[in-house]
Amino acid sequence: MKFPYAGNALKDFFSKPSTERYPKVKKEAPKGYRGKISYDPEKCIACGMCIRVCSPGAITMTKGEKNDEGQLIEMKFNLNSCTFCQMCADFCPRGAIKLTTQYSMIATDKNELVVSGSFIKKIPPKPTVKTVQQSKAKTEASGSK
């Protein structure tokens, strides 16, 4: 009985492995890697540009009820649908969305792959008669020059 690959098996058994020990030795992501989304609700102005440019529809905005402080806005980024194209981060006027270098996104529950944040969008004050008259006076003054 012949064992044609026994020599190769013995040689490989005593040689250094060609793969890396990933869970034990973490690798740094290369520069420019587009990993997990990071969202900063403090910078967001709820313009909706990220939603418009997201081709898979992975971004949703939920508007809550208006109160004295403003309107509650919640943004959700579903990483199950995300293609990590970085269009949302590129088009965000305030830089509220960034892609990190985190590449290990293992989850047992699909809700673990949802990045969300909420903030209160302040309602602008209603203009009074005095401010309307002042703005008219400014436009008339600038138009007469």
C-alpha atoms as a PDB file:
ATOM      1  CA  MET A   1       0.000   0.000   0.000  1.00  0.00           C
ATOM      2  CA  LYS A   2       1.404   3.375  -1.020  1.00  0.00           C
ATOM      3  CA  PHE A   3       0.849   6.746   0.671  1.00  0.00           C
ATOM      4  CA  PRO A   4       1.803   9.287  -1.997  1.00  0.00           C
ATOM      5  CA  TYR A   5       1.213  12.381   0.173  1.00  0.00           C
ATOM      6  CA  ALA A   6       2.703  11.115   3.443  1.00  0.00           C
ATOM      7  CA  GLY A   7       5.999  12.902   2.766  1.00  0.00           C
ATOM      8  CA  ASN A   8       4.242  16.210   2.119  1.00  0.00           C
ATOM      9  CA  ALA A   9       2.106  15.787   5.239  1.00  0.00           C
ATOM     10  CA  LEU A  10       5.149  15.198   7.428  1.00  0.00           C
ATOM     11  CA  LYS A  11       7.026  18.124   5.899  1.00  0.00           C
ATOM     12  CA  ASP A  12       4.027  20.472   6.383  1.00  0.00           C
ATOM     13  CA  PHE A  13       3.488  19.248   9.925  1.00  0.00           C
ATOM     14  CA  PHE A  14       6.906  20.529  10.997  1.00  0.00           C
ATOM     15  CA  SER A  15       6.953  23.728   8.909  1.00  0.00           C
ATOM     16  CA  LYS A  16       5.637  27.186   9.785  1.00  0.00           C
ATOM     17  CA  PRO A  17       1.916  27.666   8.891  1.00  0.00           C
ATOM     18  CA  SER A  18       1.137  29.794   5.854  1.00  0.00           C
ATOM     19  CA  THR A  19      -1.908  31.355   7.531  1.00  0.00           C
ATOM     20  CA  GLU A  20      -2.064  33.791  10.431  1.00  0.00           C
ATOM     21  CA  ARG A  21      -3.511  33.111  13.871  1.00  0.00           C
ATOM     22  CA  TYR A  22      -6.370  35.643  13.490  1.00  0.00           C
ATOM     23  CA  PRO A  23      -8.321  35.499  16.732  1.00  0.00           C
ATOM     24  CA  LYS A  24      -5.135  35.498  18.779  1.00  0.00           C
ATOM     25  CA  VAL A  25      -3.180  37.985  16.663  1.00  0.00           C
ATOM     26  CA  LYS A  26      -5.294  40.914  15.464  1.00  0.00           C
ATOM     27  CA  LYS A  27      -4.297  42.541  12.175  1.00  0.00           C
ATOM     28  CA  GLU A  28      -4.430  46.289  11.621  1.00  0.00           C
ATOM     29  CA  ALA A  29      -6.736  47.324   8.791  1.00  0.00           C
ATOM     30  CA  PRO A  30      -4.973  49.005   5.862  1.00  0.00           C
ATOM     31  CA  LYS A  31      -5.167  52.762   5.343  1.00  0.00           C
ATOM     32  CA  GLY A  32      -8.422  53.769   3.655  1.00  0.00           C
ATOM     33  CA  TYR A  33     -10.274  50.630   4.802  1.00  0.00           C
ATOM     34  CA  ARG A  34     -14.032  51.163   4.995  1.00  0.00           C
ATOM     35  CA  GLY A  35     -15.279  49.336   8.073  1.00  0.00           C
ATOM     36  CA  LYS A  36     -18.060  49.763  10.592  1.00  0.00           C
ATOM     37  CA  ILE A  37     -19.986  53.052  10.514  1.00  0.00           C
ATOM     38  CA  SER A  38     -19.503  55.574  13.293  1.00  0.00           C
ATOM     39  CA  TYR A  39     -22.306  58.122  13.751  1.00  0.00           C
ATOM     40  CA  ASP A  40     -22.083  61.310  15.825  1.00  0.00           C
ATOM     41  CA  PRO A  41     -25.595  62.665  16.513  1.00  0.00           C
ATOM     42  CA  GLU A  42     -24.126  65.881  17.967  1.00  0.00           C
ATOM     43  CA  LYS A  43     -22.961  66.943  14.482  1.00  0.00           C
ATOM     44  CA  CYS A  44     -26.030  65.766  12.536  1.00  0.00           C
ATOM     45  CA  ILE A  45     -28.501  68.348  11.200  1.00  0.00           C
ATOM     46  CA  ALA A  46     -31.026  65.804   9.814  1.00  0.00           C
ATOM     47  CA  CYS A  47     -30.705  67.047   6.236  1.00  0.00           C
ATOM     48  CA  GLY A  48     -31.354  63.534   4.880  1.00  0.00           C
ATOM     49  CA  MET A  49     -28.547  63.637   2.305  1.00  0.00           C
ATOM     50  CA  CYS A  50     -27.127  60.330   3.567  1.00  0.00           C
ATOM     51  CA  ILE A  51     -30.505  58.660   3.044  1.00  0.00           C
ATOM     52  CA  ARG A  52     -30.741  59.956  -0.526  1.00  0.00           C
ATOM     53  CA  VAL A  53     -27.304  58.686  -1.579  1.00  0.00           C
ATOM     54  CA  CYS A  54     -27.564  55.261   0.116  1.00  0.00           C
ATOM     55  CA  SER A  55     -28.300  52.895  -2.766  1.00  0.00           C
ATOM     56  CA  PRO A  56     -29.186  49.797  -0.672  1.00  0.00           C
ATOM     57  CA  GLY A  57     -31.439  51.842   1.636  1.00  0.00           C
ATOM     58  CA  ALA A  58     -29.501  50.973   4.764  1.00  0.00           C
ATOM     59  CA  ILE A  59     -30.165  54.332   6.454  1.00  0.00           C
ATOM     60  CA  THR A  60     -33.490  55.337   7.984  1.00  0.00           C
ATOM     61  CA  MET A  61     -34.618  58.445   9.841  1.00  0.00           C
ATOM     62  CA  THR A  62     -37.460  58.396  12.330  1.00  0.00           C
ATOM     63  CA  LYS A  63     -39.042  61.656  13.426  1.00  0.00           C
ATOM     64  CA  GLY A  64     -40.654  61.763  16.820  1.00  0.00           C
ATOM     65  CA  GLU A  65     -43.248  64.115  18.207  1.00  0.00           C
ATOM     66  CA  LYS A  66     -42.577  67.825  18.453  1.00  0.00           C
ATOM     67  CA  ASN A  67     -42.373  69.342  21.908  1.00  0.00           C
ATOM     68  CA  ASP A  68     -41.149  72.606  23.454  1.00  0.00           C
ATOM     69  CA  GLU A  69     -37.475  71.724  22.966  1.00  0.00           C
ATOM     70  CA  GLY A  70     -37.783  70.554  19.355  1.00  0.00           C
ATOM     71  CA  GLN A  71     -38.322  67.337  17.444  1.00  0.00           C
ATOM     72  CA  LEU A  72     -36.733  64.003  18.336  1.00  0.00           C
ATOM     73  CA  ILE A  73     -34.819  62.531  15.372  1.00  0.00           C
ATOM     74  CA  GLU A  74     -33.409  58.992  15.350  1.00  0.00           C
ATOM     75  CA  MET A  75     -31.012  57.768  12.667  1.00  0.00           C
ATOM     76  CA  LYS A  76     -30.441  54.043  12.091  1.00  0.00           C
ATOM     77  CA  PHE A  77     -27.688  52.502   9.964  1.00  0.00           C
ATOM     78  CA  ASN A  78     -28.397  48.848   9.152  1.00  0.00           C
ATOM     79  CA  LEU A  79     -25.026  47.185   8.551  1.00  0.00           C
ATOM     80  CA  ASN A  80     -26.773  44.046   7.231  1.00  0.00           C
ATOM     81  CA  SER A  81     -27.705  46.017   4.104  1.00  0.00           C
ATOM     82  CA  CYS A  82     -24.737  48.404   3.988  1.00  0.00           C
ATOM     83  CA  THR A  83     -22.239  47.947   1.128  1.00  0.00           C
ATOM     84  CA  PHE A  84     -19.648  50.167   2.886  1.00  0.00           C
ATOM     85  CA  CYS A  85     -19.369  52.379  -0.207  1.00  0.00           C
ATOM     86  CA  GLN A  86     -18.770  55.485   1.965  1.00  0.00           C
ATOM     87  CA  MET A  87     -21.193  57.642  -0.025  1.00  0.00           C
ATOM     88  CA  CYS A  88     -23.073  58.640   3.152  1.00  0.00           C
ATOM     89  CA  ALA A  89     -19.854  59.830   4.788  1.00  0.00           C
ATOM     90  CA  ASP A  90     -18.721  61.660   1.652  1.00  0.00           C
ATOM     91  CA  PHE A  91     -22.013  63.553   1.267  1.00  0.00           C
ATOM     92  CA  CYS A  92     -22.572  64.380   4.966  1.00  0.00           C
ATOM     93  CA  PRO A  93     -22.141  68.185   5.161  1.00  0.00           C
ATOM     94  CA  ARG A  94     -21.208  68.152   8.854  1.00  0.00           C
ATOM     95  CA  GLY A  95     -19.064  65.001   8.968  1.00  0.00           C
ATOM     96  CA  ALA A  96     -21.412  63.195  11.347  1.00  0.00           C
ATOM     97  CA  ILE A  97     -20.827  59.858   9.576  1.00  0.00           C
ATOM     98  CA  LYS A  98     -17.433  58.191   9.368  1.00  0.00           C
ATOM     99  CA  LEU A  99     -16.283  54.711   8.446  1.00  0.00           C
ATOM    100  CA  THR A 100     -13.896  53.179  10.957  1.00  0.00           C
ATOM    101  CA  THR A 101     -11.217  50.545  10.445  1.00  0.00           C
ATOM    102  CA  GLN A 102     -13.165  47.975  12.497  1.00  0.00           C
ATOM    103  CA  TYR A 103     -13.560  44.941  10.245  1.00  0.00           C
ATOM    104  CA  SER A 104     -14.709  42.257  12.664  1.00  0.00           C
ATOM    105  CA  MET A 105     -18.491  42.596  12.808  1.00  0.00           C
ATOM    106  CA  ILE A 106     -19.555  39.172  14.000  1.00  0.00           C
ATOM    107  CA  ALA A 107     -23.026  39.076  15.517  1.00  0.00           C
ATOM    108  CA  THR A 108     -25.478  36.428  16.640  1.00  0.00           C
ATOM    109  CA  ASP A 109     -28.424  38.832  16.588  1.00  0.00           C
ATOM    110  CA  LYS A 110     -29.163  41.066  13.591  1.00  0.00           C
ATOM    111  CA  ASN A 111     -29.947  43.975  15.933  1.00  0.00           C
ATOM    112  CA  GLU A 112     -26.282  44.029  16.944  1.00  0.00           C
ATOM    113  CA  LEU A 113     -25.488  45.210  13.414  1.00  0.00           C
ATOM    114  CA  VAL A 114     -27.555  48.380  13.705  1.00  0.00           C
ATOM    115  CA  VAL A 115     -25.780  51.640  14.521  1.00  0.00           C
ATOM    116  CA  SER A 116     -28.174  54.276  15.780  1.00  0.00           C
ATOM    117  CA  GLY A 117     -28.249  57.634  17.450  1.00  0.00           C
ATOM    118  CA  SER A 118     -30.843  60.217  18.357  1.00  0.00           C
ATOM    119  CA  PHE A 119     -30.908  63.917  19.000  1.00  0.00           C
ATOM    120  CA  ILE A 120     -33.377  66.755  19.351  1.00  0.00           C
ATOM    121  CA  LYS A 121     -33.594  69.039  16.335  1.00  0.00           C
ATOM    122  CA  LYS A 122     -34.371  72.480  17.639  1.00  0.00           C
ATOM    123  CA  ILE A 123     -37.293  74.277  16.033  1.00  0.00           C
ATOM    124  CA  PRO A 124     -36.315  77.733  14.772  1.00  0.00           C
ATOM    125  CA  PRO A 125     -38.132  80.586  16.492  1.00  0.00           C
ATOM    126  CA  LYS A 126     -41.046  82.101  14.649  1.00  0.00           C
ATOM    127  CA  PRO A 127     -40.199  85.518  13.257  1.00  0.00           C
ATOM    128  CA  THR A 128     -41.784  88.443  15.042  1.00  0.00           C
ATOM    129  CA  VAL A 129     -43.103  91.576  13.361  1.00  0.00           C
ATOM    130  CA  LYS A 130     -39.994  93.482  14.486  1.00  0.00           C
ATOM    131  CA  THR A 131     -37.537  90.987  12.910  1.00  0.00           C
ATOM    132  CA  VAL A 132     -39.537  90.918   9.664  1.00  0.00           C
ATOM    133  CA  GLN A 133     -39.441  94.721   9.473  1.00  0.00           C
ATOM    134  CA  GLN A 134     -35.687  94.716  10.191  1.00  0.00           C
ATOM    135  CA  SER A 135     -35.000  92.173   7.443  1.00  0.00           C
ATOM    136  CA  LYS A 136     -37.102  94.192   4.960  1.00  0.00           C
ATOM    137  CA  ALA A 137     -35.164  97.331   5.878  1.00  0.00           C
ATOM    138  CA  LYS A 138     -31.841  95.506   5.294  1.00  0.00           C
ATOM    139  CA  THR A 139     -32.884  94.233   1.879  1.00  0.00           C
ATOM    140  CA  GLU A 140     -34.138  97.687   0.842  1.00  0.00           C
ATOM    141  CA  ALA A 141     -30.900  99.297   2.041  1.00  0.00           C
ATOM    142  CA  SER A 142     -28.724  96.780   0.188  1.00  0.00           C
ATOM    143  CA  GLY A 143     -30.850  97.088  -2.976  1.00  0.00           C
ATOM    144  CA  SER A 144     -30.574 100.892  -3.086  1.00  0.00           C
ATOM    145  CA  LYS A 145     -26.750 100.868  -3.080  1.00  0.00           C
END
